[in-house]
Amino acid sequence: MIVTTTNDLEGFRVIKHLGMVRGLTVRSRSVLGSLGASLQTILGGNITLYTELAEKAREEAYDLMLQHAAERGANAVLAMRYDANEISDGVTEVLAYGSAVVIEPRS
């Protein structure tokens, strides 16, 4: 599966648009994770516990988007984006989305 943030892919042409696909996950911090992250904020710098949580959430949303695209018969996703919102304190949704398409190399 080819995924790009651009609206087209050089060297390929879109032969079929399959519509919007998405992957959505909702994640929260554990009590221990929140405590550890709070301690890291006191020391400053990269808060690795939050970084890991964000990375896992994006990876999960991305994988779900790819699964949705494959179910539709796509071999590429164009204009891929992420979006994230805090639903409540410590609970975040992460959405990966884009346009599912079937592409073929230009001759």
N, C-alpha and C. Protein backbone atom coordinates (compact mmCIF):
# COMPACT_ATOMS: atom_id res chain seq x y z
N MET A 1 0.86 -1.18 0.00
CA MET A 1 0.00 0.00 0.00
C MET A 1 0.90 1.23 0.00
N ILE A 2 0.68 2.10 -0.96
CA ILE A 2 1.42 3.37 -1.02
C ILE A 2 0.58 4.42 -0.31
N VAL A 3 1.21 5.16 0.59
CA VAL A 3 0.53 6.23 1.31
C VAL A 3 1.33 7.50 1.14
N THR A 4 0.65 8.58 0.77
CA THR A 4 1.32 9.86 0.60
C THR A 4 0.43 10.99 1.11
N THR A 5 1.06 12.07 1.50
CA THR A 5 0.32 13.24 1.95
C THR A 5 -0.05 14.15 0.79
N THR A 6 0.44 13.84 -0.41
CA THR A 6 0.13 14.65 -1.59
C THR A 6 -1.18 14.19 -2.22
N ASN A 7 -1.70 15.02 -3.12
CA ASN A 7 -2.97 14.70 -3.78
C ASN A 7 -2.81 13.81 -5.00
N ASP A 8 -1.59 13.63 -5.45
CA ASP A 8 -1.32 12.73 -6.56
C ASP A 8 0.04 12.09 -6.33
N LEU A 9 0.40 11.15 -7.19
CA LEU A 9 1.63 10.41 -7.01
C LEU A 9 2.36 10.39 -8.35
N GLU A 10 3.51 11.01 -8.40
CA GLU A 10 4.26 11.12 -9.64
C GLU A 10 4.57 9.73 -10.20
N GLY A 11 4.33 9.58 -11.50
CA GLY A 11 4.59 8.32 -12.16
C GLY A 11 3.41 7.35 -12.14
N PHE A 12 2.33 7.73 -11.46
CA PHE A 12 1.14 6.89 -11.37
C PHE A 12 -0.09 7.70 -11.76
N ARG A 13 -1.10 6.99 -12.17
CA ARG A 13 -2.38 7.66 -12.42
C ARG A 13 -3.46 6.95 -11.62
N VAL A 14 -4.41 7.72 -11.15
CA VAL A 14 -5.54 7.17 -10.39
C VAL A 14 -6.55 6.62 -11.40
N ILE A 15 -6.88 5.36 -11.24
CA ILE A 15 -7.88 4.77 -12.14
C ILE A 15 -9.23 4.59 -11.47
N LYS A 16 -9.25 4.69 -10.14
CA LYS A 16 -10.52 4.56 -9.42
C LYS A 16 -10.42 5.23 -8.06
N HIS A 17 -11.40 6.07 -7.75
CA HIS A 17 -11.52 6.68 -6.42
C HIS A 17 -12.48 5.84 -5.60
N LEU A 18 -12.06 5.46 -4.41
CA LEU A 18 -12.88 4.60 -3.56
C LEU A 18 -13.46 5.32 -2.35
N GLY A 19 -13.15 6.59 -2.22
CA GLY A 19 -13.70 7.38 -1.12
C GLY A 19 -12.75 7.52 0.05
N MET A 20 -13.24 8.19 1.06
CA MET A 20 -12.48 8.48 2.27
C MET A 20 -12.34 7.21 3.10
N VAL A 21 -11.15 7.01 3.64
CA VAL A 21 -10.91 5.92 4.59
C VAL A 21 -10.34 6.53 5.86
N ARG A 22 -10.54 5.86 6.97
CA ARG A 22 -10.05 6.39 8.24
C ARG A 22 -9.71 5.27 9.20
N GLY A 23 -8.90 5.64 10.16
CA GLY A 23 -8.59 4.77 11.28
C GLY A 23 -8.68 5.63 12.52
N LEU A 24 -9.41 5.19 13.50
CA LEU A 24 -9.64 5.97 14.70
C LEU A 24 -9.29 5.15 15.93
N THR A 25 -8.56 5.75 16.84
CA THR A 25 -8.28 5.11 18.12
C THR A 25 -8.45 6.13 19.23
N VAL A 26 -8.84 5.66 20.38
CA VAL A 26 -8.97 6.51 21.57
C VAL A 26 -8.09 5.90 22.64
N ARG A 27 -7.18 6.69 23.15
CA ARG A 27 -6.19 6.18 24.12
C ARG A 27 -6.23 7.05 25.38
N SER A 28 -5.80 6.44 26.48
CA SER A 28 -5.69 7.19 27.73
C SER A 28 -4.39 6.81 28.42
N ARG A 29 -3.97 7.67 29.30
CA ARG A 29 -2.79 7.40 30.11
C ARG A 29 -3.21 6.58 31.32
N SER A 30 -2.35 5.68 31.75
CA SER A 30 -2.61 4.95 32.99
C SER A 30 -2.25 5.86 34.16
N VAL A 31 -2.68 5.49 35.34
CA VAL A 31 -2.37 6.26 36.54
C VAL A 31 -0.85 6.30 36.75
N LEU A 32 -0.19 5.15 36.57
CA LEU A 32 1.26 5.10 36.74
C LEU A 32 1.96 5.92 35.65
N GLY A 33 1.43 5.83 34.41
CA GLY A 33 2.01 6.61 33.33
C GLY A 33 1.88 8.10 33.57
N SER A 34 0.73 8.51 34.09
CA SER A 34 0.52 9.93 34.40
C SER A 34 1.46 10.39 35.50
N LEU A 35 1.66 9.56 36.50
CA LEU A 35 2.58 9.89 37.58
C LEU A 35 4.01 10.02 37.07
N GLY A 36 4.43 9.04 36.25
CA GLY A 36 5.78 9.08 35.67
C GLY A 36 5.97 10.30 34.79
N ALA A 37 4.95 10.62 33.98
CA ALA A 37 5.04 11.79 33.10
C ALA A 37 5.10 13.08 33.92
N SER A 38 4.35 13.12 35.01
CA SER A 38 4.39 14.30 35.89
C SER A 38 5.78 14.52 36.46
N LEU A 39 6.43 13.43 36.83
CA LEU A 39 7.81 13.54 37.32
C LEU A 39 8.75 14.02 36.22
N GLN A 40 8.54 13.54 34.99
CA GLN A 40 9.37 13.99 33.88
C GLN A 40 9.18 15.48 33.58
N THR A 41 7.97 16.00 33.79
CA THR A 41 7.75 17.42 33.52
C THR A 41 8.53 18.29 34.50
N ILE A 42 8.75 17.80 35.69
CA ILE A 42 9.53 18.55 36.68
C ILE A 42 10.97 18.70 36.20
N LEU A 43 11.50 17.64 35.59
CA LEU A 43 12.89 17.66 35.12
C LEU A 43 13.05 18.38 33.79
N GLY A 44 11.96 18.52 33.03
CA GLY A 44 12.02 19.19 31.74
C GLY A 44 12.47 18.26 30.63
N GLY A 45 12.45 18.77 29.41
CA GLY A 45 12.88 17.99 28.26
C GLY A 45 11.77 17.14 27.69
N ASN A 46 12.15 16.16 26.90
CA ASN A 46 11.19 15.27 26.25
C ASN A 46 10.48 14.41 27.29
N ILE A 47 9.17 14.41 27.26
CA ILE A 47 8.39 13.60 28.18
C ILE A 47 8.12 12.28 27.46
N THR A 48 9.03 11.34 27.64
CA THR A 48 9.04 10.11 26.84
C THR A 48 7.77 9.28 27.02
N LEU A 49 7.16 9.29 28.18
CA LEU A 49 5.93 8.51 28.38
C LEU A 49 4.81 9.04 27.49
N TYR A 50 4.70 10.35 27.36
CA TYR A 50 3.68 10.93 26.48
C TYR A 50 4.05 10.73 25.01
N THR A 51 5.34 10.82 24.71
CA THR A 51 5.80 10.60 23.34
C THR A 51 5.46 9.19 22.90
N GLU A 52 5.71 8.21 23.74
CA GLU A 52 5.40 6.82 23.41
C GLU A 52 3.90 6.61 23.24
N LEU A 53 3.10 7.23 24.09
CA LEU A 53 1.65 7.12 23.99
C LEU A 53 1.16 7.71 22.67
N ALA A 54 1.68 8.88 22.32
CA ALA A 54 1.28 9.53 21.07
C ALA A 54 1.70 8.69 19.86
N GLU A 55 2.91 8.16 19.90
CA GLU A 55 3.39 7.34 18.79
C GLU A 55 2.56 6.07 18.62
N LYS A 56 2.22 5.42 19.72
CA LYS A 56 1.40 4.21 19.65
C LYS A 56 0.02 4.52 19.10
N ALA A 57 -0.55 5.63 19.53
CA ALA A 57 -1.88 6.02 19.06
C ALA A 57 -1.86 6.31 17.56
N ARG A 58 -0.85 7.03 17.08
CA ARG A 58 -0.77 7.33 15.65
C ARG A 58 -0.55 6.06 14.83
N GLU A 59 0.31 5.18 15.34
CA GLU A 59 0.57 3.92 14.63
C GLU A 59 -0.71 3.07 14.53
N GLU A 60 -1.45 3.01 15.61
CA GLU A 60 -2.68 2.24 15.61
C GLU A 60 -3.71 2.84 14.66
N ALA A 61 -3.87 4.15 14.67
CA ALA A 61 -4.80 4.82 13.77
C ALA A 61 -4.39 4.61 12.31
N TYR A 62 -3.09 4.71 12.03
CA TYR A 62 -2.55 4.51 10.68
C TYR A 62 -2.84 3.08 10.20
N ASP A 63 -2.56 2.10 11.05
CA ASP A 63 -2.80 0.70 10.68
C ASP A 63 -4.28 0.43 10.41
N LEU A 64 -5.16 1.03 11.22
CA LEU A 64 -6.60 0.87 11.00
C LEU A 64 -7.03 1.51 9.69
N MET A 65 -6.43 2.66 9.34
CA MET A 65 -6.73 3.31 8.07
C MET A 65 -6.31 2.41 6.90
N LEU A 66 -5.12 1.81 6.99
CA LEU A 66 -4.65 0.91 5.94
C LEU A 66 -5.58 -0.29 5.80
N GLN A 67 -6.03 -0.82 6.91
CA GLN A 67 -6.96 -1.95 6.89
C GLN A 67 -8.26 -1.55 6.19
N HIS A 68 -8.79 -0.38 6.51
CA HIS A 68 -10.01 0.11 5.90
C HIS A 68 -9.82 0.29 4.39
N ALA A 69 -8.66 0.83 3.98
CA ALA A 69 -8.37 1.02 2.55
C ALA A 69 -8.28 -0.33 1.83
N ALA A 70 -7.62 -1.30 2.44
CA ALA A 70 -7.49 -2.62 1.83
C ALA A 70 -8.86 -3.29 1.68
N GLU A 71 -9.72 -3.13 2.67
CA GLU A 71 -11.07 -3.70 2.59
C GLU A 71 -11.85 -3.12 1.42
N ARG A 72 -11.56 -1.88 1.06
CA ARG A 72 -12.24 -1.24 -0.07
C ARG A 72 -11.59 -1.59 -1.41
N GLY A 73 -10.45 -2.26 -1.38
CA GLY A 73 -9.78 -2.65 -2.61
C GLY A 73 -8.74 -1.65 -3.09
N ALA A 74 -8.32 -0.75 -2.24
CA ALA A 74 -7.34 0.27 -2.62
C ALA A 74 -5.93 -0.30 -2.63
N ASN A 75 -5.07 0.30 -3.44
CA ASN A 75 -3.65 0.00 -3.36
C ASN A 75 -2.84 1.24 -3.01
N ALA A 76 -3.55 2.34 -2.71
CA ALA A 76 -2.89 3.58 -2.29
C ALA A 76 -3.86 4.45 -1.51
N VAL A 77 -3.30 5.31 -0.68
CA VAL A 77 -4.06 6.33 0.03
C VAL A 77 -3.38 7.66 -0.25
N LEU A 78 -4.15 8.60 -0.81
CA LEU A 78 -3.64 9.93 -1.11
C LEU A 78 -4.16 10.93 -0.09
N ALA A 79 -3.45 12.05 0.03
CA ALA A 79 -3.84 13.16 0.91
C ALA A 79 -4.02 12.69 2.35
N MET A 80 -3.15 11.80 2.82
CA MET A 80 -3.25 11.26 4.18
C MET A 80 -2.94 12.34 5.20
N ARG A 81 -3.72 12.36 6.27
CA ARG A 81 -3.55 13.33 7.35
C ARG A 81 -3.82 12.66 8.70
N TYR A 82 -3.34 13.32 9.76
CA TYR A 82 -3.67 12.94 11.14
C TYR A 82 -4.45 14.08 11.76
N ASP A 83 -5.30 13.73 12.71
CA ASP A 83 -5.99 14.72 13.53
C ASP A 83 -6.07 14.13 14.93
N ALA A 84 -6.00 14.96 15.94
CA ALA A 84 -6.09 14.49 17.32
C ALA A 84 -6.88 15.50 18.15
N ASN A 85 -7.67 14.98 19.05
CA ASN A 85 -8.47 15.81 19.95
C ASN A 85 -8.49 15.18 21.32
N GLU A 86 -8.52 16.04 22.32
CA GLU A 86 -8.66 15.54 23.68
C GLU A 86 -10.15 15.45 23.98
N ILE A 87 -10.61 14.23 24.28
CA ILE A 87 -12.03 14.00 24.57
C ILE A 87 -12.35 14.42 26.00
N SER A 88 -11.50 14.03 26.90
CA SER A 88 -11.60 14.46 28.30
C SER A 88 -10.18 14.44 28.85
N ASP A 89 -10.02 14.84 30.09
CA ASP A 89 -8.69 14.92 30.68
C ASP A 89 -7.99 13.56 30.60
N GLY A 90 -6.92 13.50 29.85
CA GLY A 90 -6.14 12.27 29.74
C GLY A 90 -6.65 11.27 28.70
N VAL A 91 -7.71 11.62 27.98
CA VAL A 91 -8.26 10.73 26.95
C VAL A 91 -8.21 11.45 25.61
N THR A 92 -7.48 10.86 24.67
CA THR A 92 -7.25 11.50 23.38
C THR A 92 -7.68 10.59 22.25
N GLU A 93 -8.33 11.17 21.25
CA GLU A 93 -8.63 10.42 20.04
C GLU A 93 -7.62 10.82 18.97
N VAL A 94 -7.20 9.85 18.19
CA VAL A 94 -6.30 10.11 17.07
C VAL A 94 -6.94 9.51 15.84
N LEU A 95 -7.04 10.32 14.79
CA LEU A 95 -7.66 9.91 13.53
C LEU A 95 -6.63 10.02 12.42
N ALA A 96 -6.50 8.96 11.63
CA ALA A 96 -5.70 8.97 10.41
C ALA A 96 -6.70 8.83 9.27
N TYR A 97 -6.59 9.68 8.24
CA TYR A 97 -7.56 9.61 7.16
C TYR A 97 -6.95 10.03 5.83
N GLY A 98 -7.59 9.63 4.76
CA GLY A 98 -7.14 9.98 3.43
C GLY A 98 -8.09 9.45 2.39
N SER A 99 -7.72 9.63 1.12
CA SER A 99 -8.54 9.17 0.01
C SER A 99 -8.02 7.83 -0.50
N ALA A 100 -8.85 6.81 -0.46
CA ALA A 100 -8.48 5.49 -0.96
C ALA A 100 -8.63 5.49 -2.48
N VAL A 101 -7.61 5.00 -3.15
CA VAL A 101 -7.63 4.96 -4.61
C VAL A 101 -6.98 3.69 -5.12
N VAL A 102 -7.25 3.41 -6.37
CA VAL A 102 -6.52 2.38 -7.10
C VAL A 102 -5.66 3.13 -8.10
N ILE A 103 -4.37 2.85 -8.08
CA ILE A 103 -3.44 3.51 -8.99
C ILE A 103 -2.75 2.48 -9.88
N GLU A 104 -2.21 2.97 -10.99
CA GLU A 104 -1.39 2.13 -11.85
C GLU A 104 -0.26 2.99 -12.39
N PRO A 105 0.87 2.38 -12.73
CA PRO A 105 1.98 3.16 -13.29
C PRO A 105 1.57 3.78 -14.63
N ARG A 106 2.07 4.98 -14.86
CA ARG A 106 1.87 5.62 -16.17
C ARG A 106 2.74 4.90 -17.18
N SER A 107 2.21 4.73 -18.40
CA SER A 107 3.01 4.05 -19.41
C SER A 107 3.82 5.02 -20.25
